[in-house]
Amino acid sequence: MVLELLLIGVGITLDPLPIMAFVLLLSSRRGVWKGLVFILAWLACLVTVIALVLLFTGGTPPPPRSPPSTGALAAKLAIGLGLVAYGVHRRRRARTPHEESSAAGSASRDASPEAEVSKMDRMSVWSAAGLAVFLQPWGVVAAGATVVVRADLSHLASYLALFGFCILATSTLLAAELYTVLAPKAAGERLKRLRAWLEAHEEPAIIIGCLVLGLWLTGNSIYQLTS
């Protein structure tokens, strides 16, 4: 369970879309406070999913081969296949360099970084919380839920694993927030460069992430279902 939560937590924290939005949020007026609310809402989503799963299981993992155990593995298999299919779909729809260049030029005219920061300036802290819920990679979080089914709350290790999963899945956001608080000037420039790099590599990062995590979830689920 620990290894599975570790990999899923890495998949969540490295999702480029929430990171890019969070960097913009930090660059806006009252960005530190909005970033804090974003992180709290992000964590609340993870904790709520975990709490609902544990409420369903009672904190005791279902016996192997039981309907709940088999159902959780089947759900994890379906999510893995879905991630693979999504990655393949995005790969097939990848545009040619000419189309990407034209689209990028149009996007830069229609939605410049300054215009995006201006929108974030007008955003309230409650909207920042809603943005965190909207940008949560729910497919990957659902995969984490199928693993949490096996958590045994009679052991301290399970509490530590669940706590570690929540922190790991939020680690990139926490690092950016702390960096902005401790070194605001340096953070502003470096986070801008990070956002530019993510924008340039967003598509391949999403494709590779979906394929790697999806293939691993699929293989792991098939192994557990057949062993």
Protein backbone atom coordinates (compact mmCIF):
# COMPACT_ATOMS: atom_id res chain seq x y z
CA MET A 1 0.00 0.00 0.00
CA VAL A 2 2.81 2.41 0.88
CA LEU A 3 4.52 2.12 -2.51
CA GLU A 4 1.22 2.58 -4.34
CA LEU A 5 0.34 5.69 -2.34
CA LEU A 6 3.85 7.02 -2.92
CA LEU A 7 3.58 6.73 -6.70
CA ILE A 8 0.06 8.14 -6.80
CA GLY A 9 1.09 11.03 -4.53
CA VAL A 10 3.96 11.85 -6.89
CA GLY A 11 1.54 11.76 -9.83
CA ILE A 12 -0.75 14.25 -8.07
CA THR A 13 1.95 16.69 -6.96
CA LEU A 14 3.64 16.80 -10.38
CA ASP A 15 0.46 17.53 -12.34
CA PRO A 16 1.47 20.64 -14.35
CA LEU A 17 -1.96 22.29 -14.57
CA PRO A 18 -2.44 22.96 -10.82
CA ILE A 19 1.19 24.08 -10.52
CA MET A 20 0.84 26.67 -13.32
CA ALA A 21 -2.39 28.01 -11.85
CA PHE A 22 -0.86 28.14 -8.37
CA VAL A 23 2.17 30.09 -9.61
CA LEU A 24 -0.17 32.66 -11.17
CA LEU A 25 -2.15 32.82 -7.95
CA LEU A 26 0.98 33.51 -5.92
CA SER A 27 1.92 36.32 -8.32
CA SER A 28 -1.42 38.08 -7.82
CA ARG A 29 -2.49 40.61 -5.20
CA ARG A 30 -2.66 38.95 -1.75
CA GLY A 31 -1.17 35.91 -3.46
CA VAL A 32 0.26 34.36 -0.29
CA TRP A 33 -3.15 34.30 1.40
CA LYS A 34 -4.88 33.00 -1.72
CA GLY A 35 -2.17 30.35 -2.04
CA LEU A 36 -2.73 29.28 1.55
CA VAL A 37 -6.47 28.93 0.98
CA PHE A 38 -5.78 27.00 -2.24
CA ILE A 39 -3.54 24.57 -0.32
CA LEU A 40 -6.07 24.13 2.49
CA ALA A 41 -8.85 23.39 -0.01
CA TRP A 42 -6.55 21.01 -1.88
CA LEU A 43 -5.75 19.14 1.33
CA ALA A 44 -9.42 19.14 2.34
CA CYS A 45 -10.30 17.30 -0.87
CA LEU A 46 -7.70 14.62 -0.18
CA VAL A 47 -8.71 14.24 3.46
CA THR A 48 -12.40 14.05 2.56
CA VAL A 49 -11.80 11.27 0.03
CA ILE A 50 -9.72 9.31 2.54
CA ALA A 51 -12.30 9.83 5.30
CA LEU A 52 -15.14 8.61 3.08
CA VAL A 53 -13.22 5.47 2.15
CA LEU A 54 -12.32 4.73 5.77
CA LEU A 55 -15.92 5.35 6.79
CA PHE A 56 -16.96 2.74 4.23
CA THR A 57 -14.38 0.17 5.38
CA GLY A 58 -14.54 1.01 9.08
CA GLY A 59 -10.77 1.30 9.13
CA THR A 60 -10.40 -2.42 8.51
CA PRO A 61 -9.29 -3.71 5.11
CA PRO A 62 -11.76 -6.12 3.51
CA PRO A 63 -10.63 -9.76 3.27
CA PRO A 64 -8.86 -10.77 0.06
CA ARG A 65 -11.19 -11.98 -2.71
CA SER A 66 -14.19 -10.46 -0.94
CA PRO A 67 -16.58 -8.33 -3.05
CA PRO A 68 -15.32 -5.00 -1.62
CA SER A 69 -11.67 -5.99 -2.17
CA THR A 70 -12.31 -7.25 -5.70
CA GLY A 71 -14.42 -4.17 -6.46
CA ALA A 72 -11.62 -1.84 -5.36
CA LEU A 73 -9.12 -3.67 -7.57
CA ALA A 74 -11.53 -3.60 -10.49
CA ALA A 75 -12.01 0.15 -10.01
CA LYS A 76 -8.24 0.65 -9.90
CA LEU A 77 -7.90 -1.37 -13.10
CA ALA A 78 -10.57 0.75 -14.79
CA ILE A 79 -8.84 3.96 -13.70
CA GLY A 80 -5.51 2.66 -14.98
CA LEU A 81 -7.00 1.77 -18.35
CA GLY A 82 -8.71 5.15 -18.45
CA LEU A 83 -5.43 6.98 -17.83
CA VAL A 84 -3.72 4.97 -20.56
CA ALA A 85 -6.57 5.68 -22.99
CA TYR A 86 -6.45 9.39 -22.13
CA GLY A 87 -2.69 9.52 -22.64
CA VAL A 88 -2.98 7.77 -26.01
CA HIS A 89 -5.84 10.08 -27.00
CA ARG A 90 -3.81 13.20 -26.21
CA ARG A 91 -0.80 11.76 -27.99
CA ARG A 92 -2.81 11.11 -31.14
CA ARG A 93 -4.25 14.60 -31.04
CA ALA A 94 -0.84 16.17 -30.63
CA ARG A 95 -0.61 18.97 -33.14
CA THR A 96 2.10 19.51 -35.75
CA PRO A 97 4.80 22.09 -34.94
CA HIS A 98 3.23 24.55 -37.39
CA GLU A 99 -0.18 24.26 -35.76
CA GLU A 100 1.32 24.53 -32.30
CA SER A 101 3.25 27.65 -33.30
CA SER A 102 0.14 29.30 -34.71
CA ALA A 103 -1.97 28.35 -31.71
CA ALA A 104 0.70 29.54 -29.29
CA GLY A 105 0.88 32.91 -31.02
CA SER A 106 -2.88 33.30 -30.88
CA ALA A 107 -2.97 32.26 -27.23
CA SER A 108 -0.25 34.73 -26.30
CA ARG A 109 -2.27 37.53 -27.87
CA ASP A 110 -5.57 36.49 -26.32
CA ALA A 111 -4.33 35.51 -22.85
CA SER A 112 -1.02 37.07 -21.89
CA PRO A 113 0.53 36.32 -18.49
CA GLU A 114 -0.27 39.90 -17.44
CA ALA A 115 -3.94 39.41 -18.30
CA GLU A 116 -4.03 36.12 -16.40
CA VAL A 117 -2.44 37.71 -13.33
CA SER A 118 -5.00 40.51 -13.58
CA LYS A 119 -7.78 37.93 -13.40
CA MET A 120 -6.13 36.36 -10.36
CA ASP A 121 -5.92 39.83 -8.76
CA ARG A 122 -9.71 40.06 -8.88
CA MET A 123 -10.16 36.54 -7.51
CA SER A 124 -11.38 36.22 -3.93
CA VAL A 125 -9.97 33.75 -1.44
CA TRP A 126 -13.17 31.68 -1.78
CA SER A 127 -12.65 31.53 -5.53
CA ALA A 128 -9.10 30.33 -4.86
CA ALA A 129 -10.55 27.49 -2.79
CA GLY A 130 -12.96 26.62 -5.60
CA LEU A 131 -10.07 26.65 -8.07
CA ALA A 132 -8.23 24.08 -5.95
CA VAL A 133 -11.25 21.78 -6.02
CA PHE A 134 -11.68 22.25 -9.77
CA LEU A 135 -8.01 21.58 -10.58
CA GLN A 136 -7.70 18.52 -8.34
CA PRO A 137 -6.70 15.57 -10.59
CA TRP A 138 -9.74 13.57 -9.55
CA GLY A 139 -8.92 10.54 -11.68
CA VAL A 140 -5.60 10.05 -9.90
CA VAL A 141 -7.17 10.85 -6.52
CA ALA A 142 -9.77 8.15 -7.22
CA ALA A 143 -6.92 5.72 -7.86
CA GLY A 144 -5.56 6.65 -4.44
CA ALA A 145 -8.97 5.93 -2.92
CA THR A 146 -8.89 2.37 -4.26
CA VAL A 147 -5.60 1.87 -2.41
CA VAL A 148 -6.80 3.46 0.83
CA VAL A 149 -9.41 0.69 1.00
CA ARG A 150 -6.60 -1.56 2.24
CA ALA A 151 -5.62 0.78 5.10
CA ASP A 152 -5.72 -0.85 8.53
CA LEU A 153 -6.19 1.79 11.22
CA SER A 154 -5.18 -0.64 13.95
CA HIS A 155 -1.57 -0.06 12.88
CA LEU A 156 0.36 3.18 13.24
CA ALA A 157 2.00 2.56 9.86
CA SER A 158 -1.32 3.11 8.09
CA TYR A 159 -1.79 6.50 9.74
CA LEU A 160 1.74 7.49 8.74
CA ALA A 161 1.20 6.27 5.18
CA LEU A 162 -2.02 8.26 4.78
CA PHE A 163 -0.49 11.37 6.34
CA GLY A 164 2.56 11.03 4.11
CA PHE A 165 0.35 10.63 1.04
CA CYS A 166 -1.49 13.88 1.77
CA ILE A 167 1.75 15.79 2.35
CA LEU A 168 3.45 14.32 -0.72
CA ALA A 169 0.45 15.09 -2.94
CA THR A 170 0.64 18.71 -1.76
CA SER A 171 4.43 19.05 -1.55
CA THR A 172 4.95 21.09 -4.73
CA LEU A 173 2.34 23.63 -3.68
CA LEU A 174 3.71 23.79 -0.15
CA ALA A 175 7.26 24.34 -1.45
CA ALA A 176 6.13 27.19 -3.73
CA GLU A 177 4.13 28.82 -0.92
CA LEU A 178 6.97 28.62 1.59
CA TYR A 179 9.49 29.89 -0.96
CA THR A 180 7.27 32.88 -1.70
CA VAL A 181 6.92 33.68 2.00
CA LEU A 182 10.61 33.33 2.83
CA ALA A 183 12.13 34.87 -0.32
CA PRO A 184 9.41 36.75 -2.22
CA LYS A 185 11.67 38.53 -4.73
CA ALA A 186 13.71 35.49 -5.71
CA ALA A 187 10.60 33.31 -5.70
CA GLY A 188 8.77 35.61 -8.09
CA GLU A 189 11.40 35.30 -10.79
CA ARG A 190 12.06 31.60 -10.38
CA LEU A 191 8.39 30.68 -10.27
CA LYS A 192 7.83 32.65 -13.47
CA ARG A 193 10.58 30.63 -15.14
CA LEU A 194 9.07 27.43 -13.77
CA ARG A 195 5.68 28.34 -15.20
CA ALA A 196 7.22 29.12 -18.60
CA TRP A 197 9.02 25.77 -18.60
CA LEU A 198 5.83 23.93 -17.64
CA GLU A 199 3.89 25.67 -20.41
CA ALA A 200 6.50 24.57 -22.94
CA HIS A 201 6.45 20.96 -21.71
CA GLU A 202 2.85 20.66 -20.49
CA GLU A 203 1.58 18.32 -23.22
CA PRO A 204 4.40 15.73 -23.09
CA ALA A 205 4.35 15.84 -19.28
CA ILE A 206 0.63 15.03 -19.18
CA ILE A 207 0.97 12.29 -21.80
CA ILE A 208 3.95 10.62 -20.13
CA GLY A 209 2.42 10.95 -16.67
CA CYS A 210 -0.88 9.38 -17.76
CA LEU A 211 0.81 6.53 -19.61
CA VAL A 212 3.31 5.69 -16.87
CA LEU A 213 0.84 5.85 -13.99
CA GLY A 214 -1.93 4.21 -16.03
CA LEU A 215 0.26 1.29 -17.12
CA TRP A 216 1.51 0.78 -13.59
CA LEU A 217 -2.02 0.82 -12.11
CA THR A 218 -3.24 -1.56 -14.81
CA GLY A 219 -0.38 -4.03 -14.36
CA ASN A 220 -0.57 -3.90 -10.57
CA SER A 221 -4.34 -4.43 -10.59
CA ILE A 222 -4.16 -7.40 -12.96
CA TYR A 223 -1.41 -8.96 -10.84
CA GLN A 224 -3.45 -8.59 -7.64
CA LEU A 225 -6.63 -9.85 -9.27
CA THR A 226 -4.97 -12.96 -10.67
CA SER A 227 -2.54 -13.82 -7.86
